[in-house]
Amino acid sequence: MSHKVVVVGSAVLIAVAVGGVAAIAPSKDSAMPAAASAAVVTAEITRSDLVDTKQVGGTLGYSGRRAQPNKTMGTVTRTRAEGTVVRRGQWLYQVDRRPVVLMYGSIPMYRKLVIGSSGADVEQLELNLKKLGYDSGTVDDDYTWRTGQAVRDWQKDNRLAKTGTVDSTQVIVASGALRISRNTAVKGDGAGASVVTTTSTLRAVHIDLPASYQQFARIGATAVVELPDGRKVKAEIRSVGTTATAGADKNSQATVDVEATVTGKLGRLDQAPVTVDLRTERHGGVLSVPVEALLALREGGYGVRVMDGATGRIVAVKTGLYAVSRVEISGQGLTEGMKVEVPQP
């Protein structure tokens, strides 16, 4: 079967639009010799993995940013330097010289724990006391006299009133170590609704992803982050927002919050602008050619001109994944290493 290309006047021009970019390539009748006035430019059909990507902007920082709620009334007397990592048993800030201490767990300190209290939050407190070296007896969900004694020992060591009871004025609970991101109050300020904003210690990139690009963000998908100094590090998408936020004005796109965790040597960069290559689809071991090698056929679809020495023949192809400047192709008789004609630069 012969294939005809679209003819305009005495020359043949083929326009292929891919991702908004138009590639224009000369075409010739099937099995005709190349024009003597100009050498034919060719490219190889290659076999490789193709990955579809979308480049977006992001901000490198830390995951889990949160303004910690403060339940202690008084005057802020001490804060930690921003960037400090606080671990179990260490204080986050101090009010009236009394520390607010970090403990690990999943249950917030929502009530006062006293002798006679029972529940999973009691067991969580006793486990923290044991990890910190205070003997509260058997770690269980009963707040006993022995638990109260361990609490008093802990309070004495932390310059807290030795009440033997624990509440949210003394303790903030988090799943792990916290990093001081920002002090929202300074020494001498009244302790308001929050004194510090914290993050986890996990490095992450935040992306305000245009809603139209949602298909490029899937939990567990990999991405590549280019740092301000040009280095590239790997990332994995950790969370994707389920609702879109409207743009600042009617001409701005709605966006979805995306967070990706980052690994590699990142230094102390925080809130730094970065470029993120999101990867949505991967086709392994496929044949591909430069996008500009495609020819639009009169009968519909695309073809490529395969060069056999000085002559060329048009082969109809089925296109697959487009990835940056290349396109996946399949067609009768096509093999790796064949030469196809591309437009002259």
C-alpha atoms as a PDB file:
ATOM      1  CA  MET A   1       0.000   0.000   0.000  1.00  0.00           C
ATOM      2  CA  SER A   2       1.379   3.401  -0.928  1.00  0.00           C
ATOM      3  CA  HIS A   3       0.984   6.423   1.354  1.00  0.00           C
ATOM      4  CA  LYS A   4       0.464   9.991   0.194  1.00  0.00           C
ATOM      5  CA  VAL A   5       1.375  13.095   2.142  1.00  0.00           C
ATOM      6  CA  VAL A   6      -0.398  16.434   2.039  1.00  0.00           C
ATOM      7  CA  VAL A   7       0.951  18.612  -0.836  1.00  0.00           C
ATOM      8  CA  VAL A   8       0.987  22.417  -0.772  1.00  0.00           C
ATOM      9  CA  GLY A   9       1.874  23.926  -4.176  1.00  0.00           C
ATOM     10  CA  SER A  10       5.080  22.346  -5.475  1.00  0.00           C
ATOM     11  CA  ALA A  11       6.489  21.673  -2.013  1.00  0.00           C
ATOM     12  CA  VAL A  12       5.295  19.346   0.673  1.00  0.00           C
ATOM     13  CA  LEU A  13       5.014  20.611   4.263  1.00  0.00           C
ATOM     14  CA  ILE A  14       3.821  18.526   7.138  1.00  0.00           C
ATOM     15  CA  ALA A  15       2.806  20.156  10.449  1.00  0.00           C
ATOM     16  CA  VAL A  16       2.614  17.979  13.501  1.00  0.00           C
ATOM     17  CA  ALA A  17       1.367  19.587  16.718  1.00  0.00           C
ATOM     18  CA  VAL A  18       2.554  17.932  19.936  1.00  0.00           C
ATOM     19  CA  GLY A  19       1.972  19.509  23.341  1.00  0.00           C
ATOM     20  CA  GLY A  20       1.443  22.873  21.707  1.00  0.00           C
ATOM     21  CA  VAL A  21       4.736  22.736  19.745  1.00  0.00           C
ATOM     22  CA  ALA A  22       4.525  22.521  15.961  1.00  0.00           C
ATOM     23  CA  ALA A  23       7.211  20.595  14.069  1.00  0.00           C
ATOM     24  CA  ILE A  24       7.428  21.211  10.292  1.00  0.00           C
ATOM     25  CA  ALA A  25       9.185  18.604   8.124  1.00  0.00           C
ATOM     26  CA  PRO A  26       9.669  18.220   4.375  1.00  0.00           C
ATOM     27  CA  SER A  27       8.257  15.072   2.789  1.00  0.00           C
ATOM     28  CA  LYS A  28       8.747  13.282  -0.530  1.00  0.00           C
ATOM     29  CA  ASP A  29       6.906  10.710  -2.592  1.00  0.00           C
ATOM     30  CA  SER A  30       7.499   7.143  -1.508  1.00  0.00           C
ATOM     31  CA  ALA A  31      10.788   5.573  -2.704  1.00  0.00           C
ATOM     32  CA  MET A  32      12.069   8.762  -4.436  1.00  0.00           C
ATOM     33  CA  PRO A  33      15.765   9.741  -4.287  1.00  0.00           C
ATOM     34  CA  ALA A  34      16.716  12.615  -2.016  1.00  0.00           C
ATOM     35  CA  ALA A  35      17.039  16.033  -3.658  1.00  0.00           C
ATOM     36  CA  ALA A  36      20.540  16.554  -4.979  1.00  0.00           C
ATOM     37  CA  SER A  37      20.638  20.148  -3.750  1.00  0.00           C
ATOM     38  CA  ALA A  38      20.497  19.245  -0.062  1.00  0.00           C
ATOM     39  CA  ALA A  39      21.788  16.359   2.044  1.00  0.00           C
ATOM     40  CA  VAL A  40      19.149  14.370   3.901  1.00  0.00           C
ATOM     41  CA  VAL A  41      19.289  14.663   7.683  1.00  0.00           C
ATOM     42  CA  THR A  42      18.455  11.454   9.539  1.00  0.00           C
ATOM     43  CA  ALA A  43      17.969  10.172  13.053  1.00  0.00           C
ATOM     44  CA  GLU A  44      17.997   6.625  14.389  1.00  0.00           C
ATOM     45  CA  ILE A  45      15.005   4.674  15.605  1.00  0.00           C
ATOM     46  CA  THR A  46      16.028   3.804  19.163  1.00  0.00           C
ATOM     47  CA  ARG A  47      14.726   1.356  21.768  1.00  0.00           C
ATOM     48  CA  SER A  48      14.582   2.682  25.311  1.00  0.00           C
ATOM     49  CA  ASP A  49      12.281   3.563  28.203  1.00  0.00           C
ATOM     50  CA  LEU A  50      10.138   6.666  27.666  1.00  0.00           C
ATOM     51  CA  VAL A  51       8.838   8.681  30.608  1.00  0.00           C
ATOM     52  CA  ASP A  52       6.203  11.403  30.336  1.00  0.00           C
ATOM     53  CA  THR A  53       7.090  14.401  32.535  1.00  0.00           C
ATOM     54  CA  LYS A  54       5.727  17.799  33.483  1.00  0.00           C
ATOM     55  CA  GLN A  55       7.954  20.530  34.945  1.00  0.00           C
ATOM     56  CA  VAL A  56       6.495  22.649  37.752  1.00  0.00           C
ATOM     57  CA  GLY A  57       7.767  24.965  40.463  1.00  0.00           C
ATOM     58  CA  GLY A  58       7.944  23.998  44.122  1.00  0.00           C
ATOM     59  CA  THR A  59       9.320  25.059  47.509  1.00  0.00           C
ATOM     60  CA  LEU A  60      11.853  22.946  49.393  1.00  0.00           C
ATOM     61  CA  GLY A  61      11.306  22.782  53.127  1.00  0.00           C
ATOM     62  CA  TYR A  62      10.098  20.255  55.695  1.00  0.00           C
ATOM     63  CA  SER A  63       6.881  18.262  55.969  1.00  0.00           C
ATOM     64  CA  GLY A  64       4.185  18.595  58.601  1.00  0.00           C
ATOM     65  CA  ARG A  65       4.249  22.360  59.159  1.00  0.00           C
ATOM     66  CA  ARG A  66       1.968  23.230  62.078  1.00  0.00           C
ATOM     67  CA  ALA A  67       1.372  26.107  64.478  1.00  0.00           C
ATOM     68  CA  GLN A  68       1.461  24.245  67.794  1.00  0.00           C
ATOM     69  CA  PRO A  69      -1.501  25.131  70.039  1.00  0.00           C
ATOM     70  CA  ASN A  70      -0.475  26.713  73.348  1.00  0.00           C
ATOM     71  CA  LYS A  71      -2.541  26.089  76.478  1.00  0.00           C
ATOM     72  CA  THR A  72      -0.203  27.760  79.010  1.00  0.00           C
ATOM     73  CA  MET A  73      -1.097  31.279  80.181  1.00  0.00           C
ATOM     74  CA  GLY A  74       1.626  33.729  81.111  1.00  0.00           C
ATOM     75  CA  THR A  75       4.693  35.405  79.612  1.00  0.00           C
ATOM     76  CA  VAL A  76       7.043  33.730  77.144  1.00  0.00           C
ATOM     77  CA  THR A  77      10.406  33.542  78.906  1.00  0.00           C
ATOM     78  CA  ARG A  78      12.422  31.343  76.525  1.00  0.00           C
ATOM     79  CA  THR A  79      12.307  30.006  72.977  1.00  0.00           C
ATOM     80  CA  ARG A  80      14.651  27.860  70.919  1.00  0.00           C
ATOM     81  CA  ALA A  81      16.555  28.995  67.832  1.00  0.00           C
ATOM     82  CA  GLU A  82      14.732  28.384  64.575  1.00  0.00           C
ATOM     83  CA  GLY A  83      16.010  25.175  62.969  1.00  0.00           C
ATOM     84  CA  THR A  84      16.530  23.431  66.333  1.00  0.00           C
ATOM     85  CA  VAL A  85      15.353  19.797  66.465  1.00  0.00           C
ATOM     86  CA  VAL A  86      13.461  18.944  69.671  1.00  0.00           C
ATOM     87  CA  ARG A  87      13.159  15.305  70.773  1.00  0.00           C
ATOM     88  CA  ARG A  88      11.183  13.399  73.393  1.00  0.00           C
ATOM     89  CA  GLY A  89      11.500  14.926  76.846  1.00  0.00           C
ATOM     90  CA  GLN A  90      12.986  18.235  75.628  1.00  0.00           C
ATOM     91  CA  TRP A  91      11.190  21.575  75.910  1.00  0.00           C
ATOM     92  CA  LEU A  92       9.748  23.457  72.947  1.00  0.00           C
ATOM     93  CA  TYR A  93       9.414  26.823  74.737  1.00  0.00           C
ATOM     94  CA  GLN A  94       8.963  28.169  78.249  1.00  0.00           C
ATOM     95  CA  VAL A  95       6.205  30.277  79.808  1.00  0.00           C
ATOM     96  CA  ASP A  96       6.806  31.935  83.189  1.00  0.00           C
ATOM     97  CA  ARG A  97      10.011  29.838  83.214  1.00  0.00           C
ATOM     98  CA  ARG A  98       7.953  26.634  83.053  1.00  0.00           C
ATOM     99  CA  PRO A  99       8.821  24.376  80.099  1.00  0.00           C
ATOM    100  CA  VAL A 100       6.326  22.927  77.640  1.00  0.00           C
ATOM    101  CA  VAL A 101       7.747  19.463  76.935  1.00  0.00           C
ATOM    102  CA  LEU A 102       7.517  17.242  73.848  1.00  0.00           C
ATOM    103  CA  MET A 103       6.331  13.664  74.219  1.00  0.00           C
ATOM    104  CA  TYR A 104       5.754  11.091  71.480  1.00  0.00           C
ATOM    105  CA  GLY A 105       2.460   9.480  70.590  1.00  0.00           C
ATOM    106  CA  SER A 106      -0.703   9.693  68.514  1.00  0.00           C
ATOM    107  CA  ILE A 107      -3.183  10.905  71.153  1.00  0.00           C
ATOM    108  CA  PRO A 108      -3.161  14.635  71.958  1.00  0.00           C
ATOM    109  CA  MET A 109      -3.135  15.700  75.593  1.00  0.00           C
ATOM    110  CA  TYR A 110      -6.875  16.458  75.632  1.00  0.00           C
ATOM    111  CA  ARG A 111      -7.569  16.016  79.376  1.00  0.00           C
ATOM    112  CA  LYS A 112      -5.892  16.138  82.768  1.00  0.00           C
ATOM    113  CA  LEU A 113      -4.468  12.759  83.755  1.00  0.00           C
ATOM    114  CA  VAL A 114      -4.730  11.976  87.487  1.00  0.00           C
ATOM    115  CA  ILE A 115      -4.672   8.946  89.771  1.00  0.00           C
ATOM    116  CA  GLY A 116      -7.666   6.852  88.744  1.00  0.00           C
ATOM    117  CA  SER A 117      -7.608   7.880  85.083  1.00  0.00           C
ATOM    118  CA  SER A 118      -7.573   5.067  82.557  1.00  0.00           C
ATOM    119  CA  GLY A 119      -7.273   4.795  78.795  1.00  0.00           C
ATOM    120  CA  ALA A 120      -4.866   4.658  75.899  1.00  0.00           C
ATOM    121  CA  ASP A 121      -3.558   8.162  76.672  1.00  0.00           C
ATOM    122  CA  VAL A 122      -2.461   6.936  80.130  1.00  0.00           C
ATOM    123  CA  GLU A 123      -0.530   4.081  78.523  1.00  0.00           C
ATOM    124  CA  GLN A 124       1.049   6.589  76.109  1.00  0.00           C
ATOM    125  CA  LEU A 125       2.187   8.782  79.032  1.00  0.00           C
ATOM    126  CA  GLU A 126       3.628   5.810  80.955  1.00  0.00           C
ATOM    127  CA  LEU A 127       5.549   4.649  77.870  1.00  0.00           C
ATOM    128  CA  ASN A 128       7.082   8.133  77.513  1.00  0.00           C
ATOM    129  CA  LEU A 129       8.021   8.204  81.201  1.00  0.00           C
ATOM    130  CA  LYS A 130       9.699   4.802  80.861  1.00  0.00           C
ATOM    131  CA  LYS A 131      11.634   5.926  77.754  1.00  0.00           C
ATOM    132  CA  LEU A 132      12.796   8.984  79.729  1.00  0.00           C
ATOM    133  CA  GLY A 133      14.015   6.856  82.620  1.00  0.00           C
ATOM    134  CA  TYR A 134      11.123   7.235  85.100  1.00  0.00           C
ATOM    135  CA  ASP A 135       9.684   4.065  86.642  1.00  0.00           C
ATOM    136  CA  SER A 136       5.897   4.144  86.570  1.00  0.00           C
ATOM    137  CA  GLY A 137       5.554   0.385  87.070  1.00  0.00           C
ATOM    138  CA  THR A 138       3.847  -1.766  84.464  1.00  0.00           C
ATOM    139  CA  VAL A 139       3.088   0.195  81.284  1.00  0.00           C
ATOM    140  CA  ASP A 140      -0.685  -0.114  81.014  1.00  0.00           C
ATOM    141  CA  ASP A 141      -3.792   2.060  80.755  1.00  0.00           C
ATOM    142  CA  ASP A 142      -4.228   2.606  84.532  1.00  0.00           C
ATOM    143  CA  TYR A 143      -2.925   5.802  86.196  1.00  0.00           C
ATOM    144  CA  THR A 144      -1.852   4.474  89.595  1.00  0.00           C
ATOM    145  CA  TRP A 145      -0.104   5.986  92.638  1.00  0.00           C
ATOM    146  CA  ARG A 146       3.163   4.730  91.130  1.00  0.00           C
ATOM    147  CA  THR A 147       2.405   6.568  87.896  1.00  0.00           C
ATOM    148  CA  GLY A 148       1.805   9.736  89.896  1.00  0.00           C
ATOM    149  CA  GLN A 149       5.150   9.319  91.684  1.00  0.00           C
ATOM    150  CA  ALA A 150       6.986   8.936  88.346  1.00  0.00           C
ATOM    151  CA  VAL A 151       5.212  12.087  87.123  1.00  0.00           C
ATOM    152  CA  ARG A 152       6.318  14.031  90.235  1.00  0.00           C
ATOM    153  CA  ASP A 153       9.936  12.943  89.654  1.00  0.00           C
ATOM    154  CA  TRP A 154       9.664  14.076  86.027  1.00  0.00           C
ATOM    155  CA  GLN A 155       8.093  17.399  87.069  1.00  0.00           C
ATOM    156  CA  LYS A 156      10.872  18.033  89.616  1.00  0.00           C
ATOM    157  CA  ASP A 157      13.562  17.525  86.974  1.00  0.00           C
ATOM    158  CA  ASN A 158      11.774  19.941  84.626  1.00  0.00           C
ATOM    159  CA  ARG A 159      11.079  22.696  87.191  1.00  0.00           C
ATOM    160  CA  LEU A 160       7.337  22.094  87.014  1.00  0.00           C
ATOM    161  CA  ALA A 161       4.978  22.146  89.980  1.00  0.00           C
ATOM    162  CA  LYS A 162       5.081  18.657  91.549  1.00  0.00           C
ATOM    163  CA  THR A 163       1.369  17.934  91.300  1.00  0.00           C
ATOM    164  CA  GLY A 164       1.591  14.322  90.123  1.00  0.00           C
ATOM    165  CA  THR A 165      -0.903  15.161  87.380  1.00  0.00           C
ATOM    166  CA  VAL A 166      -0.298  15.954  83.699  1.00  0.00           C
ATOM    167  CA  ASP A 167      -2.223  18.150  81.270  1.00  0.00           C
ATOM    168  CA  SER A 168      -1.799  20.156  78.075  1.00  0.00           C
ATOM    169  CA  THR A 169      -0.156  23.102  79.857  1.00  0.00           C
ATOM    170  CA  GLN A 170       2.906  20.895  80.366  1.00  0.00           C
ATOM    171  CA  VAL A 171       3.012  18.568  77.368  1.00  0.00           C
ATOM    172  CA  ILE A 172       2.653  18.681  73.581  1.00  0.00           C
ATOM    173  CA  VAL A 173       2.324  15.308  71.832  1.00  0.00           C
ATOM    174  CA  ALA A 174       3.705  14.598  68.356  1.00  0.00           C
ATOM    175  CA  SER A 175       4.490  11.437  66.393  1.00  0.00           C
ATOM    176  CA  GLY A 176       8.235  12.107  66.520  1.00  0.00           C
ATOM    177  CA  ALA A 177      10.930  14.753  66.745  1.00  0.00           C
ATOM    178  CA  LEU A 178       9.899  18.306  65.833  1.00  0.00           C
ATOM    179  CA  ARG A 179      11.911  21.044  64.190  1.00  0.00           C
ATOM    180  CA  ILE A 180      11.367  24.661  65.244  1.00  0.00           C
ATOM    181  CA  SER A 181      10.377  26.356  61.995  1.00  0.00           C
ATOM    182  CA  ARG A 182       9.321  29.735  63.371  1.00  0.00           C
ATOM    183  CA  ASN A 183       8.869  31.379  66.737  1.00  0.00           C
ATOM    184  CA  THR A 184       5.549  33.215  66.593  1.00  0.00           C
ATOM    185  CA  ALA A 185       6.308  34.864  69.942  1.00  0.00           C
ATOM    186  CA  VAL A 186       9.506  36.200  71.492  1.00  0.00           C
ATOM    187  CA  LYS A 187      10.708  36.559  75.052  1.00  0.00           C
ATOM    188  CA  GLY A 188       8.455  38.997  76.891  1.00  0.00           C
ATOM    189  CA  ASP A 189       5.371  38.399  74.735  1.00  0.00           C
ATOM    190  CA  GLY A 190       2.186  37.087  76.236  1.00  0.00           C
ATOM    191  CA  ALA A 191       1.725  33.417  75.450  1.00  0.00           C
ATOM    192  CA  GLY A 192      -1.105  33.438  72.939  1.00  0.00           C
ATOM    193  CA  ALA A 193      -2.852  30.740  70.915  1.00  0.00           C
ATOM    194  CA  SER A 194       0.528  29.574  69.584  1.00  0.00           C
ATOM    195  CA  VAL A 195       4.157  30.243  70.479  1.00  0.00           C
ATOM    196  CA  VAL A 196       5.983  28.119  67.895  1.00  0.00           C
ATOM    197  CA  THR A 197       5.401  26.707  64.436  1.00  0.00           C
ATOM    198  CA  THR A 198       7.034  23.341  63.939  1.00  0.00           C
ATOM    199  CA  THR A 199       7.690  20.812  61.192  1.00  0.00           C
ATOM    200  CA  SER A 200       8.830  17.225  61.174  1.00  0.00           C
ATOM    201  CA  THR A 201      12.485  16.497  60.387  1.00  0.00           C
ATOM    202  CA  LEU A 202      11.521  15.002  57.000  1.00  0.00           C
ATOM    203  CA  ARG A 203      12.649  17.063  54.005  1.00  0.00           C
ATOM    204  CA  ALA A 204       9.871  17.774  51.544  1.00  0.00           C
ATOM    205  CA  VAL A 205       8.876  19.849  48.535  1.00  0.00           C
ATOM    206  CA  HIS A 206       5.526  21.624  48.492  1.00  0.00           C
ATOM    207  CA  ILE A 207       3.912  22.145  45.091  1.00  0.00           C
ATOM    208  CA  ASP A 208       0.888  24.281  44.263  1.00  0.00           C
ATOM    209  CA  LEU A 209       0.001  22.087  41.293  1.00  0.00           C
ATOM    210  CA  PRO A 210      -2.357  23.506  38.652  1.00  0.00           C
ATOM    211  CA  ALA A 211      -5.532  21.432  38.841  1.00  0.00           C
ATOM    212  CA  SER A 212      -5.248  20.644  35.115  1.00  0.00           C
ATOM    213  CA  TYR A 213      -2.006  18.738  35.870  1.00  0.00           C
ATOM    214  CA  GLN A 214      -3.500  16.430  38.522  1.00  0.00           C
ATOM    215  CA  GLN A 215      -2.783  13.337  36.434  1.00  0.00           C
ATOM    216  CA  PHE A 216       0.933  14.005  36.965  1.00  0.00           C
ATOM    217  CA  ALA A 217       0.666  13.609  40.758  1.00  0.00           C
ATOM    218  CA  ARG A 218       0.018  10.140  42.168  1.00  0.00           C
ATOM    219  CA  ILE A 219       0.910   9.054  45.690  1.00  0.00           C
ATOM    220  CA  GLY A 220       4.031   6.901  45.527  1.00  0.00           C
ATOM    221  CA  ALA A 221       5.111   8.244  42.121  1.00  0.00           C
ATOM    222  CA  THR A 222       8.719   9.386  41.758  1.00  0.00           C
ATOM    223  CA  ALA A 223       9.891  12.856  40.757  1.00  0.00           C
ATOM    224  CA  VAL A 224      13.179  14.669  40.228  1.00  0.00           C
ATOM    225  CA  VAL A 225      13.901  17.949  42.036  1.00  0.00           C
ATOM    226  CA  GLU A 226      16.420  20.454  40.704  1.00  0.00           C
ATOM    227  CA  LEU A 227      17.946  22.495  43.537  1.00  0.00           C
ATOM    228  CA  PRO A 228      18.939  26.184  43.263  1.00  0.00           C
ATOM    229  CA  ASP A 229      22.591  25.166  42.681  1.00  0.00           C
ATOM    230  CA  GLY A 230      21.637  22.927  39.737  1.00  0.00           C
ATOM    231  CA  ARG A 231      21.997  19.594  41.536  1.00  0.00           C
ATOM    232  CA  LYS A 232      19.204  17.047  41.111  1.00  0.00           C
ATOM    233  CA  VAL A 233      17.781  14.795  43.832  1.00  0.00           C
ATOM    234  CA  LYS A 234      15.050  12.160  43.951  1.00  0.00           C
ATOM    235  CA  ALA A 235      11.610  12.698  45.459  1.00  0.00           C
ATOM    236  CA  GLU A 236       8.486  10.632  46.099  1.00  0.00           C
ATOM    237  CA  ILE A 237       4.971  12.061  46.188  1.00  0.00           C
ATOM    238  CA  ARG A 238       3.636  11.648  49.728  1.00  0.00           C
ATOM    239  CA  SER A 239       0.276  13.425  49.603  1.00  0.00           C
ATOM    240  CA  VAL A 240      -2.079  14.955  47.043  1.00  0.00           C
ATOM    241  CA  GLY A 241      -4.841  17.350  48.066  1.00  0.00           C
ATOM    242  CA  THR A 242      -8.409  16.326  47.330  1.00  0.00           C
ATOM    243  CA  THR A 243      -9.758  19.841  46.809  1.00  0.00           C
ATOM    244  CA  ALA A 244      -8.600  22.650  44.545  1.00  0.00           C
ATOM    245  CA  THR A 245      -7.875  26.151  45.812  1.00  0.00           C
ATOM    246  CA  ALA A 246      -9.041  29.032  43.648  1.00  0.00           C
ATOM    247  CA  GLY A 247      -6.381  31.301  42.130  1.00  0.00           C
ATOM    248  CA  ALA A 248      -5.682  34.810  43.381  1.00  0.00           C
ATOM    249  CA  ASP A 249      -7.613  36.295  40.451  1.00  0.00           C
ATOM    250  CA  LYS A 250      -9.944  35.120  37.687  1.00  0.00           C
ATOM    251  CA  ASN A 251      -6.999  34.585  35.317  1.00  0.00           C
ATOM    252  CA  SER A 252      -5.143  32.286  37.719  1.00  0.00           C
ATOM    253  CA  GLN A 253      -5.581  28.510  37.675  1.00  0.00           C
ATOM    254  CA  ALA A 254      -6.965  26.651  40.653  1.00  0.00           C
ATOM    255  CA  THR A 255      -4.266  24.579  42.381  1.00  0.00           C
ATOM    256  CA  VAL A 256      -3.993  21.373  44.382  1.00  0.00           C
ATOM    257  CA  ASP A 257      -1.560  20.951  47.299  1.00  0.00           C
ATOM    258  CA  VAL A 258       1.049  18.277  46.599  1.00  0.00           C
ATOM    259  CA  GLU A 259       3.859  17.235  48.943  1.00  0.00           C
ATOM    260  CA  ALA A 260       6.825  15.090  47.951  1.00  0.00           C
ATOM    261  CA  THR A 261       9.531  13.788  50.287  1.00  0.00           C
ATOM    262  CA  VAL A 262      13.117  14.364  49.181  1.00  0.00           C
ATOM    263  CA  THR A 263      16.318  12.381  49.679  1.00  0.00           C
ATOM    264  CA  GLY A 264      19.910  13.402  49.024  1.00  0.00           C
ATOM    265  CA  LYS A 265      22.349  16.058  50.176  1.00  0.00           C
ATOM    266  CA  LEU A 266      20.166  19.106  50.739  1.00  0.00           C
ATOM    267  CA  GLY A 267      22.179  21.136  53.231  1.00  0.00           C
ATOM    268  CA  ARG A 268      20.158  23.557  55.352  1.00  0.00           C
ATOM    269  CA  LEU A 269      18.014  24.881  52.530  1.00  0.00           C
ATOM    270  CA  ASP A 270      14.548  25.846  53.744  1.00  0.00           C
ATOM    271  CA  GLN A 271      11.738  27.552  51.806  1.00  0.00           C
ATOM    272  CA  ALA A 272      13.993  27.539  48.736  1.00  0.00           C
ATOM    273  CA  PRO A 273      12.444  27.655  45.237  1.00  0.00           C
ATOM    274  CA  VAL A 274      13.059  24.473  43.222  1.00  0.00           C
ATOM    275  CA  THR A 275      11.999  22.926  39.921  1.00  0.00           C
ATOM    276  CA  VAL A 276      10.200  19.580  39.976  1.00  0.00           C
ATOM    277  CA  ASP A 277       9.905  17.079  37.118  1.00  0.00           C
ATOM    278  CA  LEU A 278       6.746  15.074  37.746  1.00  0.00           C
ATOM    279  CA  ARG A 279       6.587  11.682  36.029  1.00  0.00           C
ATOM    280  CA  THR A 280       3.176  10.307  35.149  1.00  0.00           C
ATOM    281  CA  GLU A 281       3.702   7.417  32.733  1.00  0.00           C
ATOM    282  CA  ARG A 282       6.531   5.063  31.790  1.00  0.00           C
ATOM    283  CA  HIS A 283       6.724   2.760  28.746  1.00  0.00           C
ATOM    284  CA  GLY A 284       9.634   0.350  28.899  1.00  0.00           C
ATOM    285  CA  GLY A 285      11.745  -0.833  25.944  1.00  0.00           C
ATOM    286  CA  VAL A 286       9.780   0.889  23.177  1.00  0.00           C
ATOM    287  CA  LEU A 287      10.866   2.164  19.759  1.00  0.00           C
ATOM    288  CA  SER A 288      10.918   5.946  19.414  1.00  0.00           C
ATOM    289  CA  VAL A 289      11.926   8.733  17.020  1.00  0.00           C
ATOM    290  CA  PRO A 290      12.238  12.499  17.355  1.00  0.00           C
ATOM    291  CA  VAL A 291       8.773  14.083  17.223  1.00  0.00           C
ATOM    292  CA  GLU A 292       9.731  16.084  14.126  1.00  0.00           C
ATOM    293  CA  ALA A 293      10.216  12.848  12.146  1.00  0.00           C
ATOM    294  CA  LEU A 294       6.441  12.305  12.041  1.00  0.00           C
ATOM    295  CA  LEU A 295       4.625  12.946   8.752  1.00  0.00           C
ATOM    296  CA  ALA A 296       0.882  13.531   8.496  1.00  0.00           C
ATOM    297  CA  LEU A 297      -0.640  11.094   5.964  1.00  0.00           C
ATOM    298  CA  ARG A 298      -3.472  12.086   3.632  1.00  0.00           C
ATOM    299  CA  GLU A 299      -5.490   9.021   4.623  1.00  0.00           C
ATOM    300  CA  GLY A 300      -5.096   9.970   8.284  1.00  0.00           C
ATOM    301  CA  GLY A 301      -2.604   9.144  10.987  1.00  0.00           C
ATOM    302  CA  TYR A 302       1.171   9.483  10.833  1.00  0.00           C
ATOM    303  CA  GLY A 303       4.137   7.931   9.114  1.00  0.00           C
ATOM    304  CA  VAL A 304       7.906   8.194   9.036  1.00  0.00           C
ATOM    305  CA  ARG A 305      10.250   8.215   6.042  1.00  0.00           C
ATOM    306  CA  VAL A 306      12.669   5.314   6.460  1.00  0.00           C
ATOM    307  CA  MET A 307      15.889   5.947   4.525  1.00  0.00           C
ATOM    308  CA  ASP A 308      17.444   3.100   2.510  1.00  0.00           C
ATOM    309  CA  GLY A 309      20.647   4.654   1.230  1.00  0.00           C
ATOM    310  CA  ALA A 310      19.707   7.609  -0.978  1.00  0.00           C
ATOM    311  CA  THR A 311      16.057   6.634  -1.235  1.00  0.00           C
ATOM    312  CA  GLY A 312      13.285   6.749   1.289  1.00  0.00           C
ATOM    313  CA  ARG A 313       9.983   4.974   1.815  1.00  0.00           C
ATOM    314  CA  ILE A 314       7.089   6.072   3.966  1.00  0.00           C
ATOM    315  CA  VAL A 315       5.964   3.639   6.649  1.00  0.00           C
ATOM    316  CA  ALA A 316       2.680   4.199   8.472  1.00  0.00           C
ATOM    317  CA  VAL A 317       3.124   4.201  12.253  1.00  0.00           C
ATOM    318  CA  LYS A 318       1.000   4.077  15.355  1.00  0.00           C
ATOM    319  CA  THR A 319       2.089   6.655  17.925  1.00  0.00           C
ATOM    320  CA  GLY A 320       2.179   6.001  21.647  1.00  0.00           C
ATOM    321  CA  LEU A 321       3.686   7.993  24.498  1.00  0.00           C
ATOM    322  CA  TYR A 322       5.075  11.479  23.829  1.00  0.00           C
ATOM    323  CA  ALA A 323       7.999  12.258  26.121  1.00  0.00           C
ATOM    324  CA  VAL A 324       9.733  15.625  25.807  1.00  0.00           C
ATOM    325  CA  SER A 325      11.198  15.551  22.244  1.00  0.00           C
ATOM    326  CA  ARG A 326      10.541  11.905  21.333  1.00  0.00           C
ATOM    327  CA  VAL A 327       7.497   9.823  20.480  1.00  0.00           C
ATOM    328  CA  GLU A 328       6.856   6.099  20.788  1.00  0.00           C
ATOM    329  CA  ILE A 329       6.119   4.406  17.443  1.00  0.00           C
ATOM    330  CA  SER A 330       5.198   0.977  16.148  1.00  0.00           C
ATOM    331  CA  GLY A 331       4.810  -0.135  12.543  1.00  0.00           C
ATOM    332  CA  GLN A 332       5.390  -2.968  10.119  1.00  0.00           C
ATOM    333  CA  GLY A 333       9.065  -3.782   9.636  1.00  0.00           C
ATOM    334  CA  LEU A 334      10.409  -1.063  11.964  1.00  0.00           C
ATOM    335  CA  THR A 335      13.473  -2.041  13.985  1.00  0.00           C
ATOM    336  CA  GLU A 336      16.023  -0.402  16.245  1.00  0.00           C
ATOM    337  CA  GLY A 337      18.849   1.291  14.320  1.00  0.00           C
ATOM    338  CA  MET A 338      16.858   2.183  11.195  1.00  0.00           C
ATOM    339  CA  LYS A 339      17.351   5.721   9.905  1.00  0.00           C
ATOM    340  CA  VAL A 340      14.407   8.076   9.484  1.00  0.00           C
ATOM    341  CA  GLU A 341      14.404  11.485   7.829  1.00  0.00           C
ATOM    342  CA  VAL A 342      14.081  14.589  10.009  1.00  0.00           C
ATOM    343  CA  PRO A 343      13.882  18.253   8.997  1.00  0.00           C
ATOM    344  CA  GLN A 344      17.162  20.052   8.387  1.00  0.00           C
ATOM    345  CA  PRO A 345      18.133  22.306  11.291  1.00  0.00           C
END
